[in-house]
Amino acid sequence: SVCAAAALGLGVLTFQTDIISAQSSNFQGGAPQVTEGPDDARYIRILFPAGVRSSWHSHTWGQLL
């Protein structure tokens, strides 16, 4: 159903946002800013301040560039 799909999408976005927040200690020069897409889209946008360096990262859910 539409409600179940919406709940699943919200759960995935919340989970990904929590992971990014937990991993912010792995960035030097500023923490990433996470912005979720509108309700009818499943994506998050991550913006890094200029000069930020990461000590490691992973893509558990894949990556779309």
N, C-alpha and C. Protein backbone atom coordinates (compact mmCIF):
# COMPACT_ATOMS: atom_id res chain seq x y z
N SER A 1 0.83 -1.19 0.00
CA SER A 1 0.00 0.00 0.00
C SER A 1 0.87 1.25 0.00
N VAL A 2 0.27 2.36 -0.31
CA VAL A 2 0.98 3.64 -0.37
C VAL A 2 1.49 4.03 1.01
N CYS A 3 0.69 3.80 2.03
CA CYS A 3 1.11 4.15 3.40
C CYS A 3 2.33 3.34 3.83
N ALA A 4 2.34 2.07 3.51
CA ALA A 4 3.48 1.22 3.88
C ALA A 4 4.74 1.66 3.14
N ALA A 5 4.61 2.00 1.87
CA ALA A 5 5.76 2.47 1.09
C ALA A 5 6.29 3.79 1.65
N ALA A 6 5.40 4.68 2.02
CA ALA A 6 5.81 5.97 2.59
C ALA A 6 6.52 5.77 3.92
N ALA A 7 6.00 4.88 4.75
CA ALA A 7 6.63 4.60 6.04
C ALA A 7 8.01 3.99 5.86
N LEU A 8 8.15 3.08 4.91
CA LEU A 8 9.45 2.48 4.63
C LEU A 8 10.44 3.52 4.13
N GLY A 9 10.01 4.37 3.22
CA GLY A 9 10.89 5.43 2.70
C GLY A 9 11.34 6.37 3.80
N LEU A 10 10.44 6.75 4.68
CA LEU A 10 10.79 7.63 5.80
C LEU A 10 11.76 6.93 6.73
N GLY A 11 11.56 5.65 6.97
CA GLY A 11 12.47 4.89 7.82
C GLY A 11 13.87 4.83 7.24
N VAL A 12 13.98 4.62 5.94
CA VAL A 12 15.29 4.57 5.28
C VAL A 12 15.98 5.92 5.37
N LEU A 13 15.27 7.00 5.09
CA LEU A 13 15.87 8.34 5.16
C LEU A 13 16.31 8.67 6.58
N THR A 14 15.49 8.32 7.57
CA THR A 14 15.85 8.57 8.97
C THR A 14 17.08 7.77 9.34
N PHE A 15 17.15 6.51 8.92
CA PHE A 15 18.30 5.66 9.20
C PHE A 15 19.56 6.23 8.57
N GLN A 16 19.48 6.66 7.31
CA GLN A 16 20.65 7.23 6.63
C GLN A 16 21.10 8.52 7.29
N THR A 17 20.16 9.36 7.70
CA THR A 17 20.50 10.61 8.37
C THR A 17 21.20 10.33 9.69
N ASP A 18 20.72 9.33 10.44
CA ASP A 18 21.36 8.96 11.70
C ASP A 18 22.78 8.47 11.48
N ILE A 19 23.00 7.69 10.43
CA ILE A 19 24.35 7.19 10.12
C ILE A 19 25.28 8.35 9.81
N ILE A 20 24.82 9.28 8.99
CA ILE A 20 25.66 10.42 8.62
C ILE A 20 25.99 11.26 9.84
N SER A 21 25.00 11.47 10.71
CA SER A 21 25.26 12.24 11.93
C SER A 21 26.28 11.53 12.80
N ALA A 22 26.18 10.22 12.91
CA ALA A 22 27.12 9.46 13.73
C ALA A 22 28.52 9.48 13.13
N GLN A 23 28.62 9.56 11.82
CA GLN A 23 29.92 9.53 11.16
C GLN A 23 30.54 10.91 11.03
N SER A 24 29.85 11.97 11.47
CA SER A 24 30.38 13.32 11.29
C SER A 24 31.71 13.52 11.99
N SER A 25 32.02 12.69 13.00
CA SER A 25 33.32 12.78 13.67
C SER A 25 34.46 12.35 12.76
N ASN A 26 34.14 11.74 11.62
CA ASN A 26 35.16 11.29 10.67
C ASN A 26 35.52 12.36 9.65
N PHE A 27 35.01 13.57 9.83
CA PHE A 27 35.30 14.66 8.92
C PHE A 27 36.07 15.75 9.65
N GLN A 28 37.08 16.29 8.99
CA GLN A 28 37.87 17.37 9.57
C GLN A 28 37.58 18.65 8.81
N GLY A 29 37.29 19.72 9.52
CA GLY A 29 37.03 21.00 8.88
C GLY A 29 35.57 21.37 8.83
N GLY A 30 34.72 20.56 9.40
CA GLY A 30 33.29 20.86 9.43
C GLY A 30 32.46 19.61 9.21
N ALA A 31 31.31 19.58 9.83
CA ALA A 31 30.41 18.44 9.68
C ALA A 31 29.53 18.63 8.45
N PRO A 32 29.14 17.53 7.80
CA PRO A 32 28.27 17.66 6.63
C PRO A 32 26.88 18.15 7.03
N GLN A 33 26.24 18.88 6.12
CA GLN A 33 24.86 19.33 6.32
C GLN A 33 23.97 18.40 5.51
N VAL A 34 23.03 17.75 6.18
CA VAL A 34 22.15 16.78 5.53
C VAL A 34 20.78 17.40 5.32
N THR A 35 20.29 17.35 4.09
CA THR A 35 18.96 17.86 3.75
C THR A 35 18.18 16.75 3.08
N GLU A 36 17.00 16.45 3.59
CA GLU A 36 16.16 15.42 2.99
C GLU A 36 15.36 16.00 1.84
N GLY A 37 15.06 15.16 0.86
CA GLY A 37 14.26 15.59 -0.27
C GLY A 37 12.81 15.76 0.12
N PRO A 38 11.97 16.24 -0.80
CA PRO A 38 10.54 16.40 -0.51
C PRO A 38 9.89 15.04 -0.26
N ASP A 39 8.68 15.07 0.29
CA ASP A 39 7.99 13.83 0.66
C ASP A 39 7.79 12.87 -0.50
N ASP A 40 7.71 13.38 -1.73
CA ASP A 40 7.45 12.49 -2.86
C ASP A 40 8.74 12.01 -3.53
N ALA A 41 9.89 12.22 -2.91
CA ALA A 41 11.17 11.76 -3.46
C ALA A 41 11.98 11.08 -2.37
N ARG A 42 12.80 10.09 -2.77
CA ARG A 42 13.62 9.36 -1.81
C ARG A 42 15.08 9.70 -2.04
N TYR A 43 15.56 10.75 -1.44
CA TYR A 43 16.97 11.08 -1.53
C TYR A 43 17.35 12.00 -0.39
N ILE A 44 18.62 12.06 -0.12
CA ILE A 44 19.15 13.05 0.81
C ILE A 44 20.27 13.78 0.09
N ARG A 45 20.46 15.03 0.45
CA ARG A 45 21.52 15.84 -0.15
C ARG A 45 22.51 16.15 0.96
N ILE A 46 23.77 15.89 0.70
CA ILE A 46 24.81 16.12 1.69
C ILE A 46 25.75 17.19 1.17
N LEU A 47 25.87 18.28 1.91
CA LEU A 47 26.75 19.38 1.52
C LEU A 47 27.89 19.48 2.52
N PHE A 48 29.09 19.64 2.01
CA PHE A 48 30.27 19.78 2.86
C PHE A 48 30.82 21.19 2.72
N PRO A 49 31.23 21.80 3.84
CA PRO A 49 31.90 23.09 3.76
C PRO A 49 33.19 22.97 2.95
N ALA A 50 33.63 24.06 2.34
CA ALA A 50 34.86 24.05 1.55
C ALA A 50 36.04 23.61 2.41
N GLY A 51 36.86 22.73 1.87
CA GLY A 51 38.07 22.29 2.56
C GLY A 51 37.89 21.11 3.50
N VAL A 52 36.70 20.54 3.58
CA VAL A 52 36.48 19.41 4.48
C VAL A 52 37.19 18.18 3.94
N ARG A 53 37.81 17.44 4.83
CA ARG A 53 38.49 16.19 4.48
C ARG A 53 37.84 15.05 5.25
N SER A 54 37.69 13.91 4.61
CA SER A 54 37.14 12.75 5.31
C SER A 54 38.25 11.76 5.60
N SER A 55 38.18 11.14 6.78
CA SER A 55 39.17 10.14 7.12
C SER A 55 38.76 8.77 6.60
N TRP A 56 37.49 8.54 6.34
CA TRP A 56 36.98 7.32 5.71
C TRP A 56 35.51 7.52 5.40
N HIS A 57 35.00 6.69 4.54
CA HIS A 57 33.56 6.67 4.28
C HIS A 57 33.17 5.34 3.65
N SER A 58 31.90 5.05 3.70
CA SER A 58 31.39 3.84 3.08
C SER A 58 30.03 4.13 2.46
N HIS A 59 29.61 3.26 1.57
CA HIS A 59 28.33 3.41 0.89
C HIS A 59 27.54 2.12 1.07
N THR A 60 26.94 1.96 2.23
CA THR A 60 26.20 0.74 2.54
C THR A 60 24.99 0.55 1.63
N TRP A 61 24.35 1.65 1.27
CA TRP A 61 23.14 1.59 0.47
C TRP A 61 23.41 1.87 -1.01
N GLY A 62 24.68 1.91 -1.39
CA GLY A 62 25.01 2.24 -2.77
C GLY A 62 25.26 3.72 -2.92
N GLN A 63 25.55 4.14 -4.14
CA GLN A 63 25.83 5.55 -4.39
C GLN A 63 25.39 5.89 -5.80
N LEU A 64 24.73 7.02 -5.94
CA LEU A 64 24.29 7.51 -7.24
C LEU A 64 24.94 8.85 -7.46
N LEU A 65 25.73 8.96 -8.51
CA LEU A 65 26.40 10.23 -8.82
C LEU A 65 25.83 10.80 -10.10
